[in-house]
Amino acid sequence: MDSAPFLFMIRDTSTGRILFIGRLNDPSER
């Protein structure tokens, strides 16, 4: 396994509910 990818999360501030979780790969890998 390589280094951990960039993780990002979109969360509703009022309810604290997680709306979206995504992953961004490091552009320097390619």
N, C-alpha and C. Protein backbone atom coordinates (compact mmCIF):
# COMPACT_ATOMS: atom_id res chain seq x y z
N MET A 1 0.85 -1.21 0.00
CA MET A 1 0.00 0.00 0.00
C MET A 1 0.88 1.26 0.00
N ASP A 2 0.40 2.26 -0.73
CA ASP A 2 1.15 3.51 -0.77
C ASP A 2 0.68 4.44 0.33
N SER A 3 1.08 5.70 0.23
CA SER A 3 0.67 6.67 1.26
C SER A 3 -0.84 6.87 1.22
N ALA A 4 -1.40 7.25 2.34
CA ALA A 4 -2.85 7.42 2.45
C ALA A 4 -3.32 8.55 1.54
N PRO A 5 -4.40 8.34 0.83
CA PRO A 5 -4.95 9.37 -0.05
C PRO A 5 -5.59 10.50 0.75
N PHE A 6 -5.86 11.58 0.09
CA PHE A 6 -6.51 12.72 0.75
C PHE A 6 -7.98 12.40 0.97
N LEU A 7 -8.41 12.51 2.21
CA LEU A 7 -9.81 12.24 2.52
C LEU A 7 -10.53 13.56 2.77
N PHE A 8 -11.76 13.64 2.33
CA PHE A 8 -12.53 14.85 2.61
C PHE A 8 -13.96 14.46 2.93
N MET A 9 -14.61 15.24 3.74
CA MET A 9 -15.94 14.91 4.21
C MET A 9 -16.82 16.15 4.22
N ILE A 10 -18.03 16.01 3.70
CA ILE A 10 -19.01 17.10 3.74
C ILE A 10 -20.02 16.77 4.82
N ARG A 11 -20.16 17.65 5.80
CA ARG A 11 -21.01 17.36 6.95
C ARG A 11 -21.98 18.50 7.20
N ASP A 12 -23.22 18.11 7.52
CA ASP A 12 -24.23 19.13 7.81
C ASP A 12 -23.95 19.72 9.18
N THR A 13 -23.76 21.02 9.24
CA THR A 13 -23.37 21.66 10.50
C THR A 13 -24.50 21.68 11.50
N SER A 14 -25.74 21.71 11.02
CA SER A 14 -26.88 21.82 11.94
C SER A 14 -27.18 20.49 12.62
N THR A 15 -27.13 19.41 11.84
CA THR A 15 -27.49 18.10 12.41
C THR A 15 -26.25 17.27 12.74
N GLY A 16 -25.10 17.67 12.16
CA GLY A 16 -23.90 16.89 12.38
C GLY A 16 -23.89 15.61 11.57
N ARG A 17 -24.84 15.49 10.66
CA ARG A 17 -24.94 14.28 9.84
C ARG A 17 -23.96 14.37 8.67
N ILE A 18 -23.32 13.26 8.39
CA ILE A 18 -22.36 13.23 7.29
C ILE A 18 -23.11 13.10 5.96
N LEU A 19 -22.88 14.06 5.08
CA LEU A 19 -23.57 14.06 3.79
C LEU A 19 -22.76 13.32 2.73
N PHE A 20 -21.45 13.48 2.77
CA PHE A 20 -20.64 12.88 1.72
C PHE A 20 -19.23 12.62 2.22
N ILE A 21 -18.69 11.46 1.85
CA ILE A 21 -17.29 11.15 2.15
C ILE A 21 -16.62 10.76 0.84
N GLY A 22 -15.52 11.41 0.53
CA GLY A 22 -14.87 11.12 -0.73
C GLY A 22 -13.37 10.98 -0.56
N ARG A 23 -12.72 10.62 -1.65
CA ARG A 23 -11.28 10.41 -1.61
C ARG A 23 -10.64 11.08 -2.82
N LEU A 24 -9.59 11.82 -2.56
CA LEU A 24 -8.83 12.44 -3.64
C LEU A 24 -7.45 11.81 -3.69
N ASN A 25 -7.10 11.25 -4.84
CA ASN A 25 -5.78 10.64 -4.99
C ASN A 25 -4.73 11.72 -5.19
N ASP A 26 -3.51 11.43 -4.76
CA ASP A 26 -2.43 12.39 -4.90
C ASP A 26 -2.08 12.53 -6.38
N PRO A 27 -2.18 13.72 -6.94
CA PRO A 27 -1.90 13.93 -8.36
C PRO A 27 -0.44 13.69 -8.71
N SER A 28 0.44 13.70 -7.72
CA SER A 28 1.87 13.50 -7.98
C SER A 28 2.20 12.03 -8.21
N GLU A 29 1.25 11.13 -7.94
CA GLU A 29 1.50 9.71 -8.15
C GLU A 29 1.63 9.38 -9.63
N ARG A 30 0.83 10.08 -10.47
CA ARG A 30 0.94 9.88 -11.91
C ARG A 30 1.69 11.02 -12.48
